[in-house]
Amino acid sequence: MVAPLIEVEALSKTYRVPVKGEGLSGSLRSLWNREYRDVEAVKNISFRIAAGERVGFLGPNGAGKTTTLKMLSGLLFPTSGQIRIAGFTPQDRAVAFLGRITLVMGQKQQLLWDLPPRESFLLNRAMYGVDPVVFKKTLDELVTMLRIEAVLDKPVRNLSLGERMKCELVAALLHQPQVLFLDEPTIGLDVEMQVQVRKFIADYNQATGATVILTSHYMQDIAALTPRLLVIDHGSLRYDGGLIALAERVAPERRIVVKGGPKELSELGFMEVDGDQIATLTPEETNKRLAAVLARWPMVEIAVESPPLEEVMARYFREGA
């Protein structure tokens, strides 16, 4: 049996934060008699990830996603538990370990603001000790995949958000990491640029076999890239399994959408939404209702849809609460 690339066992992270009373008197008291409380950001989570997997890491704001990624990448020390990635303990920050991972955070940047991306890429080559021949080959491949030839020599401050994000991905991948931790990589991007970044991540995974752990509030990212989900809520791991299996469990119903359908469809339980006629049914009822519609209106444009992933996850967290 092949050992997993990433092993997390009973991982926890607790912060000790000061408690201040209300008003000026509370502030003064805290100067001489400070009280603290413990905040459990991550609580006893365990999972394993194989080499080459693409895994979505989901949860509401404050659930513990970014804290977990920072522990996995060695930026934070766990309060308890163990992490092993490719045989390394992340918090040791071994040079060989850092050469095998990368962390891309959509709200942070590593590119130097006043320099063109090419200069930052050369700096990364020196920091990671990448062979110049390998560096050129890797850079050429990444630039071609992301189509950023025209921006390599422009100052970063003059680039659009989408161009900067593409260059951030190149900078993060020049040392050919084995594990990609991606925290909101498409945040703030327009729809077209999100599609391009998603395609690049999928293509890179296929071409290199790199393992991808992705957090995102854009459910299109998750649906397009990660067949497996880890769902965390209030610091605890609540689900580890397939995306499709979770959707079927939480929202098994189907939607029949008749584009611009006749109003008489209300007799069959349809409701008009933005000019279309929509009925939400169990899988067993769906085929019967489809047959009934097509028997009376054989020429209508009709589609059967699953509930959108945003709705599935909202329902999942709502039911959990």
Protein backbone atom coordinates (compact mmCIF):
# COMPACT_ATOMS: atom_id res chain seq x y z
CA MET A 1 0.00 0.00 0.00
CA VAL A 2 1.38 3.41 -1.02
CA ALA A 3 1.84 5.80 1.91
CA PRO A 4 -0.13 9.07 1.66
CA LEU A 5 1.81 12.20 0.79
CA ILE A 6 0.09 14.25 3.51
CA GLU A 7 -0.79 12.80 6.91
CA VAL A 8 -2.59 14.86 9.56
CA GLU A 9 -3.35 13.29 12.92
CA ALA A 10 -5.37 14.92 15.74
CA LEU A 11 -4.28 18.41 14.69
CA SER A 12 -5.33 21.30 16.95
CA LYS A 13 -4.52 24.99 17.25
CA THR A 14 -5.55 27.09 20.26
CA TYR A 15 -4.93 30.82 20.61
CA ARG A 16 -4.74 32.57 23.97
CA VAL A 17 -6.35 35.97 23.56
CA PRO A 18 -6.73 38.80 26.10
CA VAL A 19 -10.18 39.72 27.43
CA LYS A 20 -10.92 43.39 28.04
CA GLY A 21 -13.82 44.72 30.05
CA GLU A 22 -16.15 47.38 28.69
CA GLY A 23 -15.31 51.06 28.74
CA LEU A 24 -12.34 52.97 30.12
CA SER A 25 -12.44 51.20 33.50
CA GLY A 26 -12.23 47.84 31.76
CA SER A 27 -9.22 49.02 29.75
CA LEU A 28 -7.45 50.29 32.86
CA ARG A 29 -8.10 47.07 34.79
CA SER A 30 -6.66 45.00 31.94
CA LEU A 31 -3.36 46.88 32.23
CA TRP A 32 -2.67 45.43 35.71
CA ASN A 33 -4.86 42.37 35.85
CA ARG A 34 -5.12 40.98 32.36
CA GLU A 35 -7.44 38.04 31.81
CA TYR A 36 -7.26 35.57 28.93
CA ARG A 37 -9.47 33.07 27.20
CA ASP A 38 -8.64 30.20 24.89
CA VAL A 39 -9.96 30.18 21.33
CA GLU A 40 -9.84 26.82 19.56
CA ALA A 41 -9.27 27.62 15.90
CA VAL A 42 -8.74 23.98 14.88
CA LYS A 43 -9.95 21.03 16.92
CA ASN A 44 -8.51 17.54 16.61
CA ILE A 45 -8.76 17.07 12.85
CA SER A 46 -7.26 14.09 10.98
CA PHE A 47 -7.04 13.28 7.27
CA ARG A 48 -4.74 11.81 4.63
CA ILE A 49 -4.13 12.96 1.06
CA ALA A 50 -2.44 10.96 -1.68
CA ALA A 51 0.07 12.30 -4.17
CA GLY A 52 -1.61 13.95 -7.14
CA GLU A 53 -5.01 14.47 -5.46
CA ARG A 54 -6.98 17.70 -5.85
CA VAL A 55 -8.82 18.39 -2.61
CA GLY A 56 -11.19 21.25 -1.78
CA PHE A 57 -11.01 22.63 1.77
CA LEU A 58 -14.31 24.33 2.57
CA GLY A 59 -15.90 26.09 5.49
CA PRO A 60 -17.54 29.38 6.48
CA ASN A 61 -15.50 32.42 7.51
CA GLY A 62 -13.59 31.73 10.71
CA ALA A 63 -13.95 27.96 10.37
CA GLY A 64 -10.19 27.33 10.58
CA LYS A 65 -9.28 26.82 6.91
CA THR A 66 -6.45 29.34 6.63
CA THR A 67 -5.10 28.39 10.07
CA THR A 68 -4.91 24.77 8.92
CA LEU A 69 -3.16 25.70 5.66
CA LYS A 70 -0.63 27.76 7.58
CA MET A 71 0.11 24.80 9.87
CA LEU A 72 0.44 22.50 6.87
CA SER A 73 2.90 24.89 5.26
CA GLY A 74 4.87 25.37 8.48
CA LEU A 75 3.96 29.02 9.08
CA LEU A 76 2.16 28.16 12.34
CA PHE A 77 3.03 25.67 15.06
CA PRO A 78 0.18 23.36 16.06
CA THR A 79 -0.86 23.30 19.70
CA SER A 80 -1.10 19.51 19.48
CA GLY A 81 -1.22 16.75 16.89
CA GLN A 82 1.11 15.72 14.09
CA ILE A 83 1.64 16.62 10.44
CA ARG A 84 3.84 14.74 7.99
CA ILE A 85 4.22 15.91 4.39
CA ALA A 86 6.46 13.92 2.09
CA GLY A 87 8.23 12.64 5.19
CA PHE A 88 8.81 16.12 6.67
CA THR A 89 7.38 17.86 9.74
CA PRO A 90 6.33 21.31 8.42
CA GLN A 91 7.11 23.35 11.54
CA ASP A 92 10.77 22.29 11.29
CA ARG A 93 10.94 24.47 8.15
CA ALA A 94 13.60 22.25 6.59
CA VAL A 95 15.02 23.67 3.37
CA ALA A 96 14.20 20.45 1.52
CA PHE A 97 10.58 20.67 2.71
CA LEU A 98 10.19 24.31 1.65
CA GLY A 99 11.43 23.33 -1.80
CA ARG A 100 8.57 20.83 -2.15
CA ILE A 101 5.63 23.10 -1.26
CA THR A 102 4.16 26.42 -2.22
CA LEU A 103 1.47 28.58 -0.62
CA VAL A 104 -0.50 30.99 -2.81
CA MET A 105 -2.83 33.36 -0.98
CA GLY A 106 -5.12 35.42 -3.17
CA GLN A 107 -5.04 38.35 -0.75
CA LYS A 108 -1.24 38.39 -0.36
CA GLN A 109 1.50 38.93 -2.89
CA GLN A 110 5.13 37.94 -3.19
CA LEU A 111 5.94 39.94 -6.32
CA LEU A 112 7.97 43.13 -5.80
CA TRP A 113 5.62 46.04 -6.50
CA ASP A 114 8.03 48.36 -8.35
CA LEU A 115 9.83 45.69 -10.39
CA PRO A 116 8.65 43.71 -13.41
CA PRO A 117 7.64 40.08 -12.72
CA ARG A 118 10.73 38.78 -14.52
CA GLU A 119 12.95 40.28 -11.79
CA SER A 120 10.92 38.58 -9.04
CA PHE A 121 11.15 35.29 -10.93
CA LEU A 122 14.96 35.59 -11.07
CA LEU A 123 15.04 36.33 -7.35
CA ASN A 124 12.98 33.20 -6.65
CA ARG A 125 15.35 31.17 -8.82
CA ALA A 126 18.27 32.31 -6.67
CA MET A 127 16.41 31.70 -3.37
CA TYR A 128 15.43 28.17 -4.29
CA GLY A 129 18.71 27.37 -6.03
CA VAL A 130 17.01 26.31 -9.26
CA ASP A 131 19.39 25.30 -12.04
CA PRO A 132 19.36 28.07 -14.70
CA VAL A 133 18.57 25.65 -17.52
CA VAL A 134 15.69 24.07 -15.57
CA PHE A 135 14.51 27.55 -14.55
CA LYS A 136 14.33 28.78 -18.16
CA LYS A 137 12.48 25.68 -19.31
CA THR A 138 9.99 25.86 -16.43
CA LEU A 139 9.46 29.60 -16.85
CA ASP A 140 8.85 29.27 -20.59
CA GLU A 141 6.29 26.50 -20.00
CA LEU A 142 4.42 28.43 -17.30
CA VAL A 143 4.41 31.68 -19.28
CA THR A 144 3.02 29.84 -22.31
CA MET A 145 0.33 28.06 -20.25
CA LEU A 146 -0.81 31.33 -18.67
CA ARG A 147 -0.26 33.51 -21.76
CA ILE A 148 1.58 36.32 -19.95
CA GLU A 149 4.47 36.96 -22.36
CA ALA A 150 3.40 40.60 -22.80
CA VAL A 151 3.53 41.52 -19.11
CA LEU A 152 6.86 40.03 -17.99
CA ASP A 153 8.74 43.34 -18.25
CA LYS A 154 6.07 45.72 -16.97
CA PRO A 155 6.23 46.93 -13.35
CA VAL A 156 3.90 44.88 -11.18
CA ARG A 157 2.07 48.03 -10.06
CA ASN A 158 0.93 48.55 -13.69
CA LEU A 159 -0.59 45.10 -14.08
CA SER A 160 -4.27 44.25 -13.75
CA LEU A 161 -5.39 42.05 -10.88
CA GLY A 162 -5.75 39.06 -13.21
CA GLU A 163 -2.28 39.58 -14.69
CA ARG A 164 -0.77 39.87 -11.21
CA MET A 165 -2.50 36.67 -10.08
CA LYS A 166 -1.12 34.78 -13.05
CA CYS A 167 2.37 36.08 -12.30
CA GLU A 168 1.95 35.09 -8.63
CA LEU A 169 1.21 31.54 -9.77
CA VAL A 170 4.34 31.50 -11.93
CA ALA A 171 6.48 32.77 -9.05
CA ALA A 172 5.02 30.09 -6.77
CA LEU A 173 5.67 27.24 -9.20
CA LEU A 174 9.13 28.00 -10.58
CA HIS A 175 10.79 25.63 -8.10
CA GLN A 176 8.44 22.82 -9.22
CA PRO A 177 6.75 22.16 -5.86
CA GLN A 178 5.21 18.80 -5.08
CA VAL A 179 2.35 20.27 -3.01
CA LEU A 180 0.27 23.37 -3.82
CA PHE A 181 -1.65 25.10 -1.04
CA LEU A 182 -4.00 27.55 -2.76
CA ASP A 183 -5.95 29.95 -0.54
CA GLU A 184 -8.57 31.89 -2.55
CA PRO A 185 -6.49 32.01 -5.76
CA THR A 186 -9.31 33.55 -7.84
CA ILE A 187 -10.56 36.13 -5.32
CA GLY A 188 -11.46 39.42 -6.99
CA LEU A 189 -10.96 38.12 -10.53
CA ASP A 190 -13.58 38.51 -13.23
CA VAL A 191 -15.39 35.45 -14.53
CA GLU A 192 -13.20 34.97 -17.60
CA MET A 193 -10.00 35.22 -15.57
CA GLN A 194 -11.37 32.76 -12.99
CA VAL A 195 -11.94 30.25 -15.77
CA GLN A 196 -8.38 30.73 -17.06
CA VAL A 197 -6.84 30.26 -13.62
CA ARG A 198 -8.95 27.16 -12.94
CA LYS A 199 -7.93 25.63 -16.27
CA PHE A 200 -4.29 26.35 -15.54
CA ILE A 201 -4.44 24.67 -12.10
CA ALA A 202 -6.12 21.58 -13.58
CA ASP A 203 -3.64 21.41 -16.47
CA TYR A 204 -0.68 21.85 -14.13
CA ASN A 205 -1.95 19.06 -11.87
CA GLN A 206 -2.36 16.74 -14.86
CA ALA A 207 1.05 17.60 -16.31
CA THR A 208 3.12 17.39 -13.11
CA GLY A 209 1.15 15.18 -10.72
CA ALA A 210 1.35 17.90 -8.05
CA THR A 211 -1.02 17.62 -5.11
CA VAL A 212 -3.48 20.53 -4.80
CA ILE A 213 -5.31 21.68 -1.66
CA LEU A 214 -7.67 24.51 -2.51
CA THR A 215 -9.76 26.84 -0.38
CA SER A 216 -12.21 29.14 -2.12
CA HIS A 217 -15.51 30.91 -1.52
CA TYR A 218 -16.21 30.60 -5.26
CA MET A 219 -18.01 27.29 -5.57
CA GLN A 220 -17.21 27.21 -9.30
CA ASP A 221 -13.55 26.73 -8.31
CA ILE A 222 -14.44 23.78 -6.10
CA ALA A 223 -16.83 22.17 -8.59
CA ALA A 224 -14.35 22.47 -11.45
CA LEU A 225 -11.18 21.40 -9.63
CA THR A 226 -11.72 19.22 -6.57
CA PRO A 227 -13.59 15.90 -6.67
CA ARG A 228 -12.85 15.39 -2.97
CA LEU A 229 -13.90 17.75 -0.17
CA LEU A 230 -12.71 18.37 3.36
CA VAL A 231 -15.37 20.46 5.13
CA ILE A 232 -14.43 22.24 8.34
CA ASP A 233 -16.79 24.16 10.63
CA HIS A 234 -16.00 25.76 13.99
CA GLY A 235 -12.56 24.19 13.77
CA SER A 236 -13.82 20.60 13.45
CA LEU A 237 -13.68 18.40 10.37
CA ARG A 238 -17.28 17.58 9.49
CA TYR A 239 -16.94 15.85 6.14
CA ASP A 240 -14.26 14.06 4.15
CA GLY A 241 -15.45 12.53 0.91
CA GLY A 242 -16.62 13.05 -2.64
CA LEU A 243 -18.21 16.27 -3.84
CA ILE A 244 -20.96 14.43 -5.73
CA ALA A 245 -21.74 12.21 -2.72
CA LEU A 246 -22.14 15.26 -0.47
CA ALA A 247 -24.41 17.02 -2.97
CA GLU A 248 -26.59 13.90 -3.30
CA ARG A 249 -26.83 13.58 0.45
CA VAL A 250 -27.65 17.21 1.23
CA ALA A 251 -29.70 18.17 -1.85
CA PRO A 252 -30.86 15.09 -3.78
CA GLU A 253 -33.69 16.90 -5.55
CA ARG A 254 -33.64 17.96 -9.21
CA ARG A 255 -34.92 21.05 -10.97
CA ILE A 256 -36.83 20.88 -14.23
CA VAL A 257 -36.38 24.17 -16.07
CA VAL A 258 -38.61 24.93 -19.06
CA LYS A 259 -37.18 27.91 -20.93
CA GLY A 260 -39.93 30.43 -21.53
CA GLY A 261 -42.49 27.68 -21.01
CA PRO A 262 -46.28 28.17 -21.20
CA LYS A 263 -48.01 29.45 -18.09
CA GLU A 264 -50.24 26.37 -18.09
CA LEU A 265 -47.27 24.50 -16.61
CA SER A 266 -48.45 25.80 -13.24
CA GLU A 267 -51.03 23.01 -13.40
CA LEU A 268 -48.11 20.56 -13.11
CA GLY A 269 -46.54 22.33 -10.14
CA PHE A 270 -44.22 24.71 -12.01
CA MET A 271 -43.48 28.24 -10.83
CA GLU A 272 -42.40 31.13 -13.03
CA VAL A 273 -38.92 32.52 -12.27
CA ASP A 274 -37.43 35.17 -14.56
CA GLY A 275 -39.62 34.06 -17.46
CA ASP A 276 -38.81 30.35 -17.09
CA GLN A 277 -40.99 27.66 -15.53
CA ILE A 278 -39.27 25.70 -12.76
CA ALA A 279 -40.28 22.70 -10.68
CA THR A 280 -38.17 21.18 -7.88
CA LEU A 281 -38.77 17.44 -7.42
CA THR A 282 -37.33 14.27 -5.97
CA PRO A 283 -35.33 12.12 -8.41
CA GLU A 284 -38.21 9.60 -8.52
CA GLU A 285 -40.75 12.27 -9.47
CA THR A 286 -38.53 13.97 -12.05
CA ASN A 287 -38.93 11.44 -14.87
CA LYS A 288 -42.70 11.30 -14.44
CA ARG A 289 -43.02 15.09 -14.57
CA LEU A 290 -40.73 15.29 -17.60
CA ALA A 291 -42.91 12.79 -19.44
CA ALA A 292 -46.04 14.75 -18.53
CA VAL A 293 -44.58 18.02 -19.81
CA LEU A 294 -43.30 16.57 -23.08
CA ALA A 295 -46.59 14.79 -23.71
CA ARG A 296 -48.42 18.13 -23.77
CA TRP A 297 -45.65 20.45 -25.08
CA PRO A 298 -43.22 18.31 -27.08
CA MET A 299 -41.39 21.29 -28.60
CA VAL A 300 -40.39 23.16 -25.40
CA GLU A 301 -36.74 23.72 -24.44
CA ILE A 302 -36.23 21.79 -21.24
CA ALA A 303 -33.34 21.05 -18.87
CA VAL A 304 -32.84 19.05 -15.69
CA GLU A 305 -30.42 20.54 -13.16
CA SER A 306 -28.99 19.71 -9.76
CA PRO A 307 -29.12 22.47 -7.13
CA PRO A 308 -26.09 24.78 -7.41
CA LEU A 309 -23.17 23.96 -5.12
CA GLU A 310 -23.57 27.30 -3.30
CA GLU A 311 -27.04 26.21 -2.22
CA VAL A 312 -25.82 22.74 -1.25
CA MET A 313 -23.10 24.11 1.04
CA ALA A 314 -25.34 26.80 2.54
CA ARG A 315 -27.90 24.12 3.40
CA TYR A 316 -25.19 21.85 4.79
CA PHE A 317 -23.86 24.51 7.20
CA ARG A 318 -27.38 25.67 8.07
CA GLU A 319 -28.46 22.15 8.98
CA GLY A 320 -25.27 21.61 10.95
CA ALA A 321 -25.89 24.79 12.94
